[in-house]
Protein backbone atom coordinates (compact mmCIF):
# COMPACT_ATOMS: atom_id res chain seq x y z
CA MET A 1 78.06 114.71 65.91
CA THR A 2 80.77 116.79 67.44
CA PRO A 3 80.35 117.98 71.07
CA VAL A 4 80.63 121.30 72.35
CA PHE A 5 83.25 121.73 75.21
CA ARG A 6 82.66 124.26 77.94
CA HIS A 7 83.57 124.80 81.50
CA ALA A 8 81.56 122.71 83.78
CA ALA A 9 78.84 124.31 86.07
CA ARG A 10 78.06 123.04 89.61
CA THR A 11 74.76 121.66 88.25
CA ASP A 12 76.75 119.37 85.86
CA ILE A 13 78.52 117.40 88.73
CA PRO A 14 75.84 114.51 88.92
CA ALA A 15 76.33 113.93 85.00
CA VAL A 16 80.13 114.05 85.65
CA ILE A 17 79.90 111.56 88.53
CA ALA A 18 77.87 109.20 86.20
CA LEU A 19 80.68 109.47 83.52
CA LEU A 20 83.32 108.60 86.19
CA ALA A 21 81.48 105.68 87.59
CA ASP A 22 80.66 104.44 84.00
CA ASP A 23 83.96 102.94 83.63
CA MET A 24 85.82 99.51 84.29
CA LEU A 25 87.77 101.15 87.20
CA GLY A 26 85.28 103.78 88.18
CA ARG A 27 82.36 101.56 89.18
CA GLY A 28 84.39 100.23 91.97
CA ARG A 29 85.84 103.61 93.22
CA GLU A 30 83.26 106.25 92.77
CA ILE A 31 80.34 106.80 95.31
CA ALA A 32 76.80 107.95 94.98
CA ASP A 33 76.92 110.77 97.59
CA PRO A 34 77.59 114.16 95.42
CA ALA A 35 78.50 116.13 98.56
CA PRO A 36 82.46 115.40 98.11
CA TYR A 37 82.34 115.81 94.53
CA LEU A 38 80.72 119.20 94.96
CA ALA A 39 83.10 120.33 97.52
CA ALA A 40 85.94 119.29 95.36
CA PHE A 41 84.33 121.20 92.41
CA ASP A 42 84.16 124.25 94.63
CA ALA A 43 87.94 123.87 95.69
CA MET A 44 88.90 123.42 91.99
CA ARG A 45 87.16 126.66 90.97
CA ALA A 46 88.78 128.55 93.82
CA GLU A 47 92.18 127.51 92.69
CA GLY A 48 91.85 129.31 89.41
CA ALA A 49 94.08 127.03 87.25
CA ASN A 50 92.14 123.98 87.79
CA HIS A 51 89.23 123.33 85.49
CA LEU A 52 86.36 120.70 84.85
CA VAL A 53 85.39 120.66 81.18
CA VAL A 54 82.38 118.93 79.78
CA GLY A 55 81.43 118.01 76.21
CA THR A 56 77.76 118.27 75.39
CA ILE A 57 75.73 117.24 72.32
CA GLY A 58 72.48 118.99 72.69
CA THR A 59 71.79 119.13 76.45
CA ASP A 60 73.45 115.80 77.14
CA ILE A 61 76.88 115.70 78.73
CA VAL A 62 78.78 113.09 76.85
CA ALA A 63 82.37 113.61 77.99
CA CYS A 64 84.53 115.30 80.44
CA TYR A 65 87.93 115.95 81.73
CA GLN A 66 89.89 117.97 84.35
CA ILE A 67 92.66 120.32 83.22
CA THR A 68 95.21 121.82 85.62
CA PHE A 69 97.75 124.42 84.42
CA ILE A 70 101.08 124.05 86.41
CA SER A 71 104.05 126.42 86.25
CA GLY A 72 107.36 124.92 87.06
CA LEU A 73 111.14 125.25 86.76
CA SER A 74 112.07 122.11 84.94
CA LEU A 75 112.28 121.71 81.11
CA SER A 76 113.33 125.37 81.00
CA ALA A 77 110.61 126.67 83.15
CA ALA A 78 108.07 124.95 81.04
CA ARG A 79 104.44 125.50 81.84
CA ARG A 80 102.54 122.29 81.61
CA ALA A 81 98.66 121.07 81.54
CA GLN A 82 97.75 117.97 83.43
CA ILE A 83 94.58 116.15 82.32
CA GLU A 84 92.66 113.75 84.35
CA GLY A 85 89.36 112.15 84.63
CA VAL A 86 89.02 111.80 80.67
CA ARG A 87 85.65 110.02 80.03
CA VAL A 88 83.36 109.53 77.20
CA ALA A 89 79.96 108.02 77.82
CA ALA A 90 79.81 104.55 76.79
CA SER A 91 76.88 105.26 74.47
CA HIS A 92 79.02 107.70 72.50
CA ARG A 93 82.40 105.93 72.26
CA GLY A 94 83.74 105.12 68.73
CA GLN A 95 82.35 108.60 67.45
CA ASN A 96 85.56 110.48 67.56
CA ILE A 97 84.42 112.28 70.64
CA GLY A 98 87.64 111.38 72.61
CA THR A 99 89.65 112.91 69.71
CA ALA A 100 87.73 115.90 69.94
CA LEU A 101 88.15 116.06 73.80
CA ILE A 102 91.94 115.86 73.45
CA HIS A 103 92.02 118.31 70.74
CA ASP A 104 90.03 120.68 73.02
CA ALA A 105 92.31 120.11 76.02
CA GLU A 106 95.49 120.80 73.73
CA ALA A 107 93.91 124.08 72.59
CA ARG A 108 93.24 125.14 76.19
CA ALA A 109 96.68 124.17 77.24
CA ARG A 110 98.26 126.11 74.28
CA ALA A 111 96.11 129.15 75.16
CA ALA A 112 97.32 128.98 78.70
CA GLY A 113 100.89 129.20 77.52
CA CYS A 114 101.65 125.45 78.16
CA THR A 115 104.41 123.63 76.09
CA LEU A 116 103.56 120.20 77.32
CA LEU A 117 100.31 118.13 77.82
CA GLN A 118 100.70 115.21 80.24
CA PHE A 119 98.66 112.67 82.13
CA THR A 120 98.76 109.32 83.66
CA THR A 121 96.61 106.28 82.68
CA ASN A 122 95.89 103.00 84.52
CA ARG A 123 98.02 100.15 83.23
CA ALA A 124 94.66 98.19 82.76
CA ARG A 125 93.25 100.64 80.34
CA SER A 126 94.84 99.02 77.17
CA ASP A 127 92.20 100.56 74.82
CA ALA A 128 93.01 103.98 76.20
CA HIS A 129 96.58 103.26 75.57
CA ARG A 130 96.27 102.57 71.91
CA PHE A 131 93.84 105.67 71.70
CA TYR A 132 96.77 108.07 73.18
CA ASP A 133 99.33 106.37 71.07
CA ARG A 134 97.31 107.06 67.96
CA LEU A 135 97.05 110.82 69.05
CA GLY A 136 100.82 111.14 69.29
CA PHE A 137 101.38 110.86 73.01
CA THR A 138 104.43 108.98 74.16
CA ALA A 139 104.64 106.75 77.18
CA SER A 140 107.75 108.40 78.31
CA HIS A 141 107.63 107.98 82.13
CA ILE A 142 106.85 105.61 84.82
CA GLY A 143 104.10 106.96 87.26
CA TYR A 144 103.93 106.17 90.87
CA LYS A 145 101.25 106.78 93.45
CA LYS A 146 101.00 106.35 97.17
CA SER A 147 97.73 106.52 99.10
CA LEU A 148 97.89 108.87 102.02
């Protein structure tokens, strides 16, 4: 069954937290307290170009991602979309929901005038790397992060 993707509501945050934690890396870094997630969601909504999207089947949230639209000067002033927090519920993996999620993100990016869709992925996510390769993404850059 194909999910319906929509902008998340504040009441969806507990389900999104569960998706983020239901992951090989997330179970060690997500927390149970919803307060910081709710504050972050409110801040995202206030920014205007930063959106949390959920995929639903019936009333169940089975997928999520965050998409941020970024205007910039490089690449001939290309507008780009950054996706993060891409998750599909473990119980729904292998059902092409991830493909539908990426297609939804691509459509939203195009509608926002973006010419590039980008993201980072943890080196440990080898299954995700194969998935993104199949969808036509290129591992073109090396990403760096520094905790502050």
